[in-house]
Amino acid sequence: MIVISSDHDPGEKTRLQLPTMKENDTHCIDFSYLLYSKNGANPGTLNILVRVNKGPLANPIWNVTGSTGKDWLRAELAVSTFWPNEYQAD
């Protein structure tokens, strides 16, 4: 999924929600990201949140704010849960 923020108004959000994970295991969330603005404006913030047991609030586990330069960067996050818990990454 690629979201080009220049096509959106300031304050707009895009959301990608992963399927609920129920296994008693550690899962890896592996993704590439680039936050850059040609005109020097702040491109915003990228947050990774985890919601446990379908709770109303998700907890932040990773974020980056502002320009990261013109090159794509890679992130790998390990997320664990123990039975009978389940979690979902947003």
PDB file of N, CA and C in Angstrom:
ATOM      1  N   MET A   1       0.852  -1.159   0.000  1.00  0.00           N
ATOM      2  CA  MET A   1       0.000   0.000   0.000  1.00  0.00           C
ATOM      3  C   MET A   1       0.899   1.223   0.000  1.00  0.00           C
ATOM      4  N   ILE A   2       0.659   2.136  -0.892  1.00  0.00           N
ATOM      5  CA  ILE A   2       1.382   3.404  -0.929  1.00  0.00           C
ATOM      6  C   ILE A   2       0.356   4.516  -0.793  1.00  0.00           C
ATOM      7  N   VAL A   3       0.619   5.444   0.122  1.00  0.00           N
ATOM      8  CA  VAL A   3      -0.242   6.607   0.308  1.00  0.00           C
ATOM      9  C   VAL A   3       0.585   7.842  -0.011  1.00  0.00           C
ATOM     10  N   ILE A   4       0.153   8.617  -0.971  1.00  0.00           N
ATOM     11  CA  ILE A   4       0.842   9.848  -1.335  1.00  0.00           C
ATOM     12  C   ILE A   4       0.123  10.993  -0.644  1.00  0.00           C
ATOM     13  N   SER A   5       0.779  11.589   0.342  1.00  0.00           N
ATOM     14  CA  SER A   5       0.111  12.590   1.173  1.00  0.00           C
ATOM     15  C   SER A   5      -0.144  13.898   0.444  1.00  0.00           C
ATOM     16  N   SER A   6       0.569  14.161  -0.653  1.00  0.00           N
ATOM     17  CA  SER A   6       0.325  15.409  -1.380  1.00  0.00           C
ATOM     18  C   SER A   6      -1.068  15.432  -1.990  1.00  0.00           C
ATOM     19  N   ASP A   7      -1.707  14.281  -2.095  1.00  0.00           N
ATOM     20  CA  ASP A   7      -3.068  14.197  -2.625  1.00  0.00           C
ATOM     21  C   ASP A   7      -4.124  14.426  -1.551  1.00  0.00           C
ATOM     22  N   HIS A   8      -3.700  14.712  -0.307  1.00  0.00           N
ATOM     23  CA  HIS A   8      -4.627  14.818   0.818  1.00  0.00           C
ATOM     24  C   HIS A   8      -4.456  16.143   1.546  1.00  0.00           C
ATOM     25  N   ASP A   9      -5.466  16.521   2.303  1.00  0.00           N
ATOM     26  CA  ASP A   9      -5.419  17.737   3.111  1.00  0.00           C
ATOM     27  C   ASP A   9      -4.697  17.471   4.420  1.00  0.00           C
ATOM     28  N   PRO A  10      -4.070  18.519   5.018  1.00  0.00           N
ATOM     29  CA  PRO A  10      -3.431  18.345   6.326  1.00  0.00           C
ATOM     30  C   PRO A  10      -4.429  17.796   7.347  1.00  0.00           C
ATOM     31  N   GLY A  11      -3.963  16.856   8.157  1.00  0.00           N
ATOM     32  CA  GLY A  11      -4.819  16.266   9.189  1.00  0.00           C
ATOM     33  C   GLY A  11      -5.537  15.005   8.754  1.00  0.00           C
ATOM     34  N   GLU A  12      -5.600  14.744   7.445  1.00  0.00           N
ATOM     35  CA  GLU A  12      -6.241  13.508   6.985  1.00  0.00           C
ATOM     36  C   GLU A  12      -5.393  12.307   7.384  1.00  0.00           C
ATOM     37  N   LYS A  13      -6.050  11.175   7.603  1.00  0.00           N
ATOM     38  CA  LYS A  13      -5.358   9.964   8.028  1.00  0.00           C
ATOM     39  C   LYS A  13      -5.681   8.815   7.093  1.00  0.00           C
ATOM     40  N   THR A  14      -4.730   7.909   6.983  1.00  0.00           N
ATOM     41  CA  THR A  14      -4.920   6.661   6.259  1.00  0.00           C
ATOM     42  C   THR A  14      -4.700   5.535   7.248  1.00  0.00           C
ATOM     43  N   ARG A  15      -5.475   4.484   7.126  1.00  0.00           N
ATOM     44  CA  ARG A  15      -5.380   3.394   8.097  1.00  0.00           C
ATOM     45  C   ARG A  15      -5.299   2.058   7.370  1.00  0.00           C
ATOM     46  N   LEU A  16      -4.335   1.263   7.767  1.00  0.00           N
ATOM     47  CA  LEU A  16      -4.202  -0.112   7.307  1.00  0.00           C
ATOM     48  C   LEU A  16      -4.318  -0.979   8.546  1.00  0.00           C
ATOM     49  N   GLN A  17      -5.268  -1.890   8.542  1.00  0.00           N
ATOM     50  CA  GLN A  17      -5.512  -2.721   9.718  1.00  0.00           C
ATOM     51  C   GLN A  17      -5.216  -4.175   9.367  1.00  0.00           C
ATOM     52  N   LEU A  18      -4.315  -4.785  10.124  1.00  0.00           N
ATOM     53  CA  LEU A  18      -3.965  -6.185   9.899  1.00  0.00           C
ATOM     54  C   LEU A  18      -5.003  -7.099  10.535  1.00  0.00           C
ATOM     55  N   PRO A  19      -5.104  -8.341  10.075  1.00  0.00           N
ATOM     56  CA  PRO A  19      -6.043  -9.290  10.683  1.00  0.00           C
ATOM     57  C   PRO A  19      -5.689  -9.539  12.153  1.00  0.00           C
ATOM     58  N   THR A  20      -6.673  -9.940  12.934  1.00  0.00           N
ATOM     59  CA  THR A  20      -6.454 -10.263  14.337  1.00  0.00           C
ATOM     60  C   THR A  20      -5.579 -11.508  14.445  1.00  0.00           C
ATOM     61  N   MET A  21      -4.573 -11.440  15.309  1.00  0.00           N
ATOM     62  CA  MET A  21      -3.661 -12.561  15.548  1.00  0.00           C
ATOM     63  C   MET A  21      -4.030 -13.213  16.872  1.00  0.00           C
ATOM     64  N   LYS A  22      -4.196 -14.526  16.869  1.00  0.00           N
ATOM     65  CA  LYS A  22      -4.603 -15.236  18.081  1.00  0.00           C
ATOM     66  C   LYS A  22      -3.564 -16.247  18.551  1.00  0.00           C
ATOM     67  N   GLU A  23      -2.568 -16.503  17.762  1.00  0.00           N
ATOM     68  CA  GLU A  23      -1.593 -17.533  18.100  1.00  0.00           C
ATOM     69  C   GLU A  23      -0.759 -17.125  19.311  1.00  0.00           C
ATOM     70  N   ASN A  24      -0.330 -18.109  20.071  1.00  0.00           N
ATOM     71  CA  ASN A  24       0.561 -17.902  21.204  1.00  0.00           C
ATOM     72  C   ASN A  24       1.983 -17.872  20.652  1.00  0.00           C
ATOM     73  N   ASP A  25       2.352 -16.731  20.055  1.00  0.00           N
ATOM     74  CA  ASP A  25       3.606 -16.671  19.329  1.00  0.00           C
ATOM     75  C   ASP A  25       4.018 -15.216  19.156  1.00  0.00           C
ATOM     76  N   THR A  26       5.199 -15.013  18.615  1.00  0.00           N
ATOM     77  CA  THR A  26       5.677 -13.685  18.252  1.00  0.00           C
ATOM     78  C   THR A  26       5.528 -13.537  16.742  1.00  0.00           C
ATOM     79  N   HIS A  27       4.999 -12.402  16.318  1.00  0.00           N
ATOM     80  CA  HIS A  27       4.839 -12.115  14.896  1.00  0.00           C
ATOM     81  C   HIS A  27       5.719 -10.929  14.529  1.00  0.00           C
ATOM     82  N   CYS A  28       6.188 -10.927  13.304  1.00  0.00           N
ATOM     83  CA  CYS A  28       7.025  -9.843  12.806  1.00  0.00           C
ATOM     84  C   CYS A  28       6.194  -8.973  11.868  1.00  0.00           C
ATOM     85  N   ILE A  29       6.179  -7.686  12.137  1.00  0.00           N
ATOM     86  CA  ILE A  29       5.580  -6.717  11.222  1.00  0.00           C
ATOM     87  C   ILE A  29       6.753  -6.069  10.501  1.00  0.00           C
ATOM     88  N   ASP A  30       6.859  -6.302   9.215  1.00  0.00           N
ATOM     89  CA  ASP A  30       7.995  -5.874   8.405  1.00  0.00           C
ATOM     90  C   ASP A  30       7.457  -4.950   7.317  1.00  0.00           C
ATOM     91  N   PHE A  31       7.954  -3.717   7.249  1.00  0.00           N
ATOM     92  CA  PHE A  31       7.442  -2.774   6.259  1.00  0.00           C
ATOM     93  C   PHE A  31       8.510  -1.750   5.898  1.00  0.00           C
ATOM     94  N   SER A  32       8.312  -1.117   4.757  1.00  0.00           N
ATOM     95  CA  SER A  32       9.171  -0.022   4.316  1.00  0.00           C
ATOM     96  C   SER A  32       8.372   1.262   4.372  1.00  0.00           C
ATOM     97  N   TYR A  33       9.064   2.375   4.628  1.00  0.00           N
ATOM     98  CA  TYR A  33       8.371   3.653   4.737  1.00  0.00           C
ATOM     99  C   TYR A  33       9.272   4.785   4.257  1.00  0.00           C
ATOM    100  N   LEU A  34       8.648   5.864   3.839  1.00  0.00           N
ATOM    101  CA  LEU A  34       9.333   7.075   3.420  1.00  0.00           C
ATOM    102  C   LEU A  34       8.429   8.242   3.775  1.00  0.00           C
ATOM    103  N   LEU A  35       8.918   9.165   4.555  1.00  0.00           N
ATOM    104  CA  LEU A  35       8.191  10.394   4.870  1.00  0.00           C
ATOM    105  C   LEU A  35       9.042  11.538   4.341  1.00  0.00           C
ATOM    106  N   TYR A  36       8.576  12.192   3.292  1.00  0.00           N
ATOM    107  CA  TYR A  36       9.366  13.230   2.633  1.00  0.00           C
ATOM    108  C   TYR A  36       8.426  14.252   2.020  1.00  0.00           C
ATOM    109  N   SER A  37       8.861  15.493   1.995  1.00  0.00           N
ATOM    110  CA  SER A  37       8.087  16.563   1.373  1.00  0.00           C
ATOM    111  C   SER A  37       9.009  17.377   0.480  1.00  0.00           C
ATOM    112  N   LYS A  38       8.639  17.555  -0.785  1.00  0.00           N
ATOM    113  CA  LYS A  38       9.460  18.322  -1.726  1.00  0.00           C
ATOM    114  C   LYS A  38       9.596  19.781  -1.317  1.00  0.00           C
ATOM    115  N   ASN A  39       8.536  20.343  -0.706  1.00  0.00           N
ATOM    116  CA  ASN A  39       8.554  21.766  -0.366  1.00  0.00           C
ATOM    117  C   ASN A  39       9.038  22.039   1.056  1.00  0.00           C
ATOM    118  N   GLY A  40       9.520  21.026   1.759  1.00  0.00           N
ATOM    119  CA  GLY A  40      10.049  21.219   3.103  1.00  0.00           C
ATOM    120  C   GLY A  40       9.016  21.182   4.209  1.00  0.00           C
ATOM    121  N   ALA A  41       7.747  21.006   3.856  1.00  0.00           N
ATOM    122  CA  ALA A  41       6.699  20.920   4.881  1.00  0.00           C
ATOM    123  C   ALA A  41       6.854  19.611   5.658  1.00  0.00           C
ATOM    124  N   ASN A  42       6.335  19.592   6.862  1.00  0.00           N
ATOM    125  CA  ASN A  42       6.383  18.381   7.682  1.00  0.00           C
ATOM    126  C   ASN A  42       5.444  17.338   7.072  1.00  0.00           C
ATOM    127  N   PRO A  43       5.962  16.173   6.683  1.00  0.00           N
ATOM    128  CA  PRO A  43       5.093  15.164   6.069  1.00  0.00           C
ATOM    129  C   PRO A  43       4.198  14.434   7.062  1.00  0.00           C
ATOM    130  N   GLY A  44       4.368  14.693   8.356  1.00  0.00           N
ATOM    131  CA  GLY A  44       3.470  14.098   9.338  1.00  0.00           C
ATOM    132  C   GLY A  44       4.121  12.997  10.146  1.00  0.00           C
ATOM    133  N   THR A  45       3.291  12.087  10.640  1.00  0.00           N
ATOM    134  CA  THR A  45       3.726  11.025  11.541  1.00  0.00           C
ATOM    135  C   THR A  45       3.194   9.683  11.059  1.00  0.00           C
ATOM    136  N   LEU A  46       4.013   8.666  11.192  1.00  0.00           N
ATOM    137  CA  LEU A  46       3.605   7.292  10.922  1.00  0.00           C
ATOM    138  C   LEU A  46       3.602   6.565  12.258  1.00  0.00           C
ATOM    139  N   ASN A  47       2.450   6.036  12.647  1.00  0.00           N
ATOM    140  CA  ASN A  47       2.289   5.332  13.918  1.00  0.00           C
ATOM    141  C   ASN A  47       1.935   3.874  13.674  1.00  0.00           C
ATOM    142  N   ILE A  48       2.478   2.988  14.485  1.00  0.00           N
ATOM    143  CA  ILE A  48       2.060   1.589  14.517  1.00  0.00           C
ATOM    144  C   ILE A  48       1.455   1.358  15.898  1.00  0.00           C
ATOM    145  N   LEU A  49       0.208   0.903  15.914  1.00  0.00           N
ATOM    146  CA  LEU A  49      -0.534   0.696  17.158  1.00  0.00           C
ATOM    147  C   LEU A  49      -0.934  -0.769  17.275  1.00  0.00           C
ATOM    148  N   VAL A  50      -1.061  -1.258  18.498  1.00  0.00           N
ATOM    149  CA  VAL A  50      -1.535  -2.622  18.727  1.00  0.00           C
ATOM    150  C   VAL A  50      -2.717  -2.578  19.678  1.00  0.00           C
ATOM    151  N   ARG A  51      -3.811  -3.199  19.255  1.00  0.00           N
ATOM    152  CA  ARG A  51      -5.034  -3.299  20.059  1.00  0.00           C
ATOM    153  C   ARG A  51      -5.110  -4.731  20.596  1.00  0.00           C
ATOM    154  N   VAL A  52      -5.227  -4.866  21.923  1.00  0.00           N
ATOM    155  CA  VAL A  52      -5.248  -6.182  22.561  1.00  0.00           C
ATOM    156  C   VAL A  52      -6.673  -6.541  22.961  1.00  0.00           C
ATOM    157  N   ASN A  53      -7.082  -7.771  22.652  1.00  0.00           N
ATOM    158  CA  ASN A  53      -8.398  -8.306  23.023  1.00  0.00           C
ATOM    159  C   ASN A  53      -9.561  -7.408  22.606  1.00  0.00           C
ATOM    160  N   LYS A  54      -9.462  -6.844  21.402  1.00  0.00           N
ATOM    161  CA  LYS A  54     -10.524  -5.991  20.836  1.00  0.00           C
ATOM    162  C   LYS A  54     -10.870  -4.819  21.751  1.00  0.00           C
ATOM    163  N   GLY A  55      -9.903  -4.347  22.521  1.00  0.00           N
ATOM    164  CA  GLY A  55     -10.118  -3.218  23.428  1.00  0.00           C
ATOM    165  C   GLY A  55     -10.422  -1.940  22.670  1.00  0.00           C
ATOM    166  N   PRO A  56     -10.965  -0.929  23.365  1.00  0.00           N
ATOM    167  CA  PRO A  56     -11.343   0.317  22.710  1.00  0.00           C
ATOM    168  C   PRO A  56     -10.147   1.180  22.322  1.00  0.00           C
ATOM    169  N   LEU A  57      -9.017   1.000  22.992  1.00  0.00           N
ATOM    170  CA  LEU A  57      -7.839   1.817  22.711  1.00  0.00           C
ATOM    171  C   LEU A  57      -6.684   0.946  22.248  1.00  0.00           C
ATOM    172  N   ALA A  58      -5.954   1.464  21.277  1.00  0.00           N
ATOM    173  CA  ALA A  58      -4.759   0.771  20.798  1.00  0.00           C
ATOM    174  C   ALA A  58      -3.534   1.435  21.419  1.00  0.00           C
ATOM    175  N   ASN A  59      -2.524   0.657  21.704  1.00  0.00           N
ATOM    176  CA  ASN A  59      -1.293   1.168  22.301  1.00  0.00           C
ATOM    177  C   ASN A  59      -0.237   1.385  21.230  1.00  0.00           C
ATOM    178  N   PRO A  60       0.421   2.550  21.236  1.00  0.00           N
ATOM    179  CA  PRO A  60       1.491   2.781  20.259  1.00  0.00           C
ATOM    180  C   PRO A  60       2.703   1.907  20.585  1.00  0.00           C
ATOM    181  N   ILE A  61       3.265   1.278  19.554  1.00  0.00           N
ATOM    182  CA  ILE A  61       4.477   0.485  19.760  1.00  0.00           C
ATOM    183  C   ILE A  61       5.644   1.023  18.940  1.00  0.00           C
ATOM    184  N   TRP A  62       5.375   1.945  17.987  1.00  0.00           N
ATOM    185  CA  TRP A  62       6.437   2.494  17.146  1.00  0.00           C
ATOM    186  C   TRP A  62       5.890   3.736  16.461  1.00  0.00           C
ATOM    187  N   ASN A  63       6.747   4.743  16.241  1.00  0.00           N
ATOM    188  CA  ASN A  63       6.349   5.891  15.421  1.00  0.00           C
ATOM    189  C   ASN A  63       7.577   6.615  14.903  1.00  0.00           C
ATOM    190  N   VAL A  64       7.363   7.385  13.861  1.00  0.00           N
ATOM    191  CA  VAL A  64       8.383   8.270  13.316  1.00  0.00           C
ATOM    192  C   VAL A  64       7.657   9.532  12.867  1.00  0.00           C
ATOM    193  N   THR A  65       8.274  10.689  13.123  1.00  0.00           N
ATOM    194  CA  THR A  65       7.663  11.976  12.785  1.00  0.00           C
ATOM    195  C   THR A  65       8.644  12.801  11.966  1.00  0.00           C
ATOM    196  N   GLY A  66       8.114  13.514  10.978  1.00  0.00           N
ATOM    197  CA  GLY A  66       8.936  14.404  10.168  1.00  0.00           C
ATOM    198  C   GLY A  66       9.616  13.674   9.028  1.00  0.00           C
ATOM    199  N   SER A  67      10.385  14.436   8.275  1.00  0.00           N
ATOM    200  CA  SER A  67      11.034  13.895   7.088  1.00  0.00           C
ATOM    201  C   SER A  67      12.089  12.861   7.454  1.00  0.00           C
ATOM    202  N   THR A  68      12.098  11.776   6.704  1.00  0.00           N
ATOM    203  CA  THR A  68      13.111  10.736   6.881  1.00  0.00           C
ATOM    204  C   THR A  68      14.091  10.735   5.713  1.00  0.00           C
ATOM    205  N   GLY A  69      14.020  11.756   4.852  1.00  0.00           N
ATOM    206  CA  GLY A  69      14.890  11.830   3.687  1.00  0.00           C
ATOM    207  C   GLY A  69      14.220  11.246   2.457  1.00  0.00           C
ATOM    208  N   LYS A  70      14.990  11.150   1.385  1.00  0.00           N
ATOM    209  CA  LYS A  70      14.438  10.712   0.099  1.00  0.00           C
ATOM    210  C   LYS A  70      14.518   9.204  -0.134  1.00  0.00           C
ATOM    211  N   ASP A  71      15.142   8.489   0.775  1.00  0.00           N
ATOM    212  CA  ASP A  71      15.301   7.045   0.600  1.00  0.00           C
ATOM    213  C   ASP A  71      14.297   6.281   1.456  1.00  0.00           C
ATOM    214  N   TRP A  72      13.843   5.149   0.928  1.00  0.00           N
ATOM    215  CA  TRP A  72      12.957   4.272   1.688  1.00  0.00           C
ATOM    216  C   TRP A  72      13.738   3.645   2.831  1.00  0.00           C
ATOM    217  N   LEU A  73      13.109   3.543   3.984  1.00  0.00           N
ATOM    218  CA  LEU A  73      13.687   2.897   5.161  1.00  0.00           C
ATOM    219  C   LEU A  73      12.868   1.660   5.488  1.00  0.00           C
ATOM    220  N   ARG A  74      13.474   0.749   6.235  1.00  0.00           N
ATOM    221  CA  ARG A  74      12.784  -0.493   6.579  1.00  0.00           C
ATOM    222  C   ARG A  74      12.671  -0.609   8.093  1.00  0.00           C
ATOM    223  N   ALA A  75      11.539  -1.125   8.539  1.00  0.00           N
ATOM    224  CA  ALA A  75      11.322  -1.369   9.965  1.00  0.00           C
ATOM    225  C   ALA A  75      10.856  -2.802  10.152  1.00  0.00           C
ATOM    226  N   GLU A  76      11.320  -3.422  11.219  1.00  0.00           N
ATOM    227  CA  GLU A  76      10.876  -4.759  11.618  1.00  0.00           C
ATOM    228  C   GLU A  76      10.492  -4.691  13.085  1.00  0.00           C
ATOM    229  N   LEU A  77       9.250  -5.022  13.386  1.00  0.00           N
ATOM    230  CA  LEU A  77       8.752  -4.972  14.755  1.00  0.00           C
ATOM    231  C   LEU A  77       8.315  -6.363  15.181  1.00  0.00           C
ATOM    232  N   ALA A  78       8.707  -6.776  16.365  1.00  0.00           N
ATOM    233  CA  ALA A  78       8.273  -8.060  16.916  1.00  0.00           C
ATOM    234  C   ALA A  78       7.134  -7.798  17.891  1.00  0.00           C
ATOM    235  N   VAL A  79       6.001  -8.471  17.672  1.00  0.00           N
ATOM    236  CA  VAL A  79       4.826  -8.313  18.530  1.00  0.00           C
ATOM    237  C   VAL A  79       4.469  -9.682  19.094  1.00  0.00           C
ATOM    238  N   SER A  80       4.323  -9.752  20.412  1.00  0.00           N
ATOM    239  CA  SER A  80       4.023 -11.027  21.077  1.00  0.00           C
ATOM    240  C   SER A  80       2.729 -10.938  21.859  1.00  0.00           C
ATOM    241  N   THR A  81       2.065 -12.069  21.968  1.00  0.00           N
ATOM    242  CA  THR A  81       0.909 -12.188  22.849  1.00  0.00           C
ATOM    243  C   THR A  81       0.888 -13.613  23.392  1.00  0.00           C
ATOM    244  N   PHE A  82       0.208 -13.811  24.464  1.00  0.00           N
ATOM    245  CA  PHE A  82       0.119 -15.138  25.069  1.00  0.00           C
ATOM    246  C   PHE A  82      -1.336 -15.531  25.188  1.00  0.00           C
ATOM    247  N   TRP A  83      -1.634 -16.768  24.883  1.00  0.00           N
ATOM    248  CA  TRP A  83      -2.990 -17.284  24.911  1.00  0.00           C
ATOM    249  C   TRP A  83      -3.585 -17.019  26.280  1.00  0.00           C
ATOM    250  N   PRO A  84      -4.827 -16.602  26.411  1.00  0.00           N
ATOM    251  CA  PRO A  84      -5.848 -16.504  25.376  1.00  0.00           C
ATOM    252  C   PRO A  84      -5.957 -15.116  24.748  1.00  0.00           C
ATOM    253  N   ASN A  85      -4.950 -14.274  24.899  1.00  0.00           N
ATOM    254  CA  ASN A  85      -5.024 -12.932  24.327  1.00  0.00           C
ATOM    255  C   ASN A  85      -4.975 -12.975  22.807  1.00  0.00           C
ATOM    256  N   GLU A  86      -5.468 -11.904  22.209  1.00  0.00           N
ATOM    257  CA  GLU A  86      -5.348 -11.710  20.772  1.00  0.00           C
ATOM    258  C   GLU A  86      -5.016 -10.251  20.545  1.00  0.00           C
ATOM    259  N   TYR A  87      -4.431  -9.938  19.389  1.00  0.00           N
ATOM    260  CA  TYR A  87      -4.093  -8.551  19.116  1.00  0.00           C
ATOM    261  C   TYR A  87      -4.273  -8.242  17.641  1.00  0.00           C
ATOM    262  N   GLN A  88      -4.349  -6.940  17.362  1.00  0.00           N
ATOM    263  CA  GLN A  88      -4.509  -6.461  15.997  1.00  0.00           C
ATOM    264  C   GLN A  88      -3.653  -5.218  15.842  1.00  0.00           C
ATOM    265  N   ALA A  89      -2.877  -5.154  14.776  1.00  0.00           N
ATOM    266  CA  ALA A  89      -2.035  -3.987  14.513  1.00  0.00           C
ATOM    267  C   ALA A  89      -2.758  -3.048  13.565  1.00  0.00           C
ATOM    268  N   ASP A  90      -2.710  -1.766  13.885  1.00  0.00           N
ATOM    269  CA  ASP A  90      -3.280  -0.700  13.044  1.00  0.00           C
ATOM    270  C   ASP A  90      -2.145   0.166  12.545  1.00  0.00           C
TER     271      ASP A  90
END
